[in-house]
Protein backbone atom coordinates (compact mmCIF):
# COMPACT_ATOMS: atom_id res chain seq x y z
CA PHE A 1 2.58 2.69 -17.26
CA HIS A 2 5.10 3.76 -14.58
CA GLY A 3 7.17 1.75 -12.19
CA ALA A 4 7.61 2.29 -8.50
CA PHE A 5 7.57 6.11 -7.41
CA THR A 6 8.06 7.97 -4.24
CA GLU A 7 5.24 10.68 -3.54
CA LEU A 8 6.67 14.20 -3.79
CA ASP A 9 4.74 15.25 -0.64
CA ARG A 10 3.43 13.05 1.96
CA GLY A 11 1.15 15.44 3.59
CA PHE A 12 -2.46 14.46 3.91
CA GLU A 13 -3.76 17.05 1.66
CA PHE A 14 -1.23 17.79 -0.95
CA TYR A 15 -3.28 18.80 -4.05
CA ALA A 16 -2.99 20.26 -7.55
CA PRO A 17 0.90 21.00 -7.64
CA GLN A 18 1.80 23.61 -10.13
CA THR A 19 5.31 24.49 -11.22
CA MET A 20 6.85 27.50 -12.96
CA LEU A 21 10.15 28.58 -14.22
CA ASP A 22 11.34 31.68 -12.50
CA GLU A 23 13.66 34.34 -13.67
CA LYS A 24 16.73 32.74 -11.96
CA GLY A 25 15.96 29.45 -14.01
CA ARG A 26 14.66 27.68 -11.15
CA ARG A 27 11.78 25.30 -11.31
CA ILE A 28 9.45 26.49 -8.50
CA LEU A 29 6.46 24.29 -7.11
CA ILE A 30 3.51 25.50 -5.22
CA ALA A 31 0.52 23.17 -4.35
CA TRP A 32 -2.71 23.25 -2.49
CA MET A 33 -3.06 22.12 0.98
CA GLY A 34 -6.68 20.94 1.37
CA VAL A 35 -8.71 18.75 -0.97
CA PRO A 36 -12.30 20.03 -1.30
CA ASP A 37 -15.23 17.67 -0.81
CA GLN A 38 -13.45 15.25 1.45
CA ASP A 39 -15.09 15.75 4.91
CA GLU A 40 -13.61 19.30 5.51
CA ASP A 41 -15.20 19.44 9.06
CA LYS A 42 -12.91 16.48 9.98
CA HIS A 43 -9.62 17.83 8.75
CA PRO A 44 -7.08 18.03 11.57
CA THR A 45 -6.42 21.68 10.91
CA VAL A 46 -9.98 22.86 11.55
CA ALA A 47 -9.33 22.89 15.34
CA HIS A 48 -6.55 25.49 14.51
CA ARG A 49 -9.05 27.60 12.76
CA TRP A 50 -7.69 26.98 9.15
CA VAL A 51 -8.42 24.68 6.29
CA HIS A 52 -6.99 24.88 2.78
CA ALA A 53 -3.87 27.01 1.97
CA LEU A 54 -1.01 27.13 -0.53
CA THR A 55 2.29 25.41 0.32
CA LEU A 56 5.48 27.20 0.76
CA PRO A 57 7.26 27.52 -2.59
CA ARG A 58 9.95 25.00 -3.16
CA GLU A 59 12.67 24.61 -5.66
CA LEU A 60 12.79 21.24 -7.57
CA LYS A 61 16.04 19.95 -9.01
CA LEU A 62 16.61 16.76 -10.87
CA LYS A 63 19.67 14.71 -10.00
CA ASP A 64 20.64 11.24 -10.87
CA GLY A 65 17.07 10.60 -12.27
CA LYS A 66 15.54 11.65 -8.79
CA ILE A 67 13.57 14.85 -8.00
CA TYR A 68 14.90 16.80 -4.88
CA GLN A 69 13.01 19.62 -3.24
CA LYS A 70 14.07 22.48 -0.87
CA PRO A 71 12.34 25.63 0.38
CA VAL A 72 13.21 28.58 -1.88
CA GLU A 73 16.14 30.61 -0.52
CA GLU A 74 13.97 33.85 -0.36
CA LEU A 75 12.14 32.30 2.87
CA GLN A 76 15.43 32.94 4.76
CA MET A 77 14.47 36.63 4.75
CA LEU A 78 11.56 35.75 7.16
CA ARG A 79 14.07 34.55 9.85
CA LYS A 80 14.81 36.74 12.82
CA ASP A 81 15.99 36.44 16.34
CA LYS A 82 18.06 33.09 16.00
CA ILE A 83 18.12 30.90 19.10
CA ALA A 84 20.50 27.93 18.91
CA TYR A 85 21.01 24.92 21.17
CA SER A 86 23.50 22.08 20.78
CA GLY A 87 24.01 18.72 22.50
CA VAL A 88 20.29 18.38 23.29
CA THR A 89 18.92 14.90 23.53
CA ILE A 90 15.07 14.18 23.51
CA ALA A 91 14.09 10.71 24.00
CA ASN A 92 10.39 10.14 24.10
CA GLU A 93 9.68 13.22 26.14
CA GLU A 94 8.53 16.79 25.93
CA ILE A 95 11.02 19.54 26.87
CA MET A 96 11.06 23.20 27.13
CA LEU A 97 14.06 25.22 25.81
CA GLU A 98 14.49 28.72 27.20
CA GLY A 99 13.78 31.52 24.72
CA ILE A 100 11.82 29.54 22.34
CA ASN A 101 8.16 30.62 22.12
CA GLY A 102 5.63 32.04 19.67
CA ASP A 103 3.61 30.55 16.96
CA VAL A 104 6.24 30.02 14.35
CA ILE A 105 9.41 28.16 14.48
CA GLU A 106 12.00 26.64 12.12
CA LEU A 107 13.98 23.50 13.25
CA TYR A 108 17.32 22.33 11.85
CA LEU A 109 18.03 19.04 13.27
CA GLU A 110 21.27 17.17 13.08
CA ASN A 111 22.39 13.58 14.21
CA ILE A 112 18.85 12.18 14.60
CA HIS A 113 18.91 8.68 15.95
CA LEU A 114 15.42 6.88 16.01
CA LEU A 115 14.90 4.58 18.85
């Protein structure tokens, strides 16, 4: 039996994770997003015209008895046209930032204070 644990992924549809050791010696995890047979027509992603996909590959590391994960570094090659803002405060509101548009975005957030 096991003691207390923390879920590796808290998404609503993290299923069948698989890991592999790559040529660099990294432990890489990829899983399935979407559990079959569970009211697929009610999945929140259906409104966006998709259901079931693979997760982004992530590197796993064991440190002090805990598993840490981060996206594989190769995903950085997908980045382009960097737009950066600093000193922006968002408090229970929706804001528009000039130059940010499209259907894919990567956010790096610092100094997050929950109200």
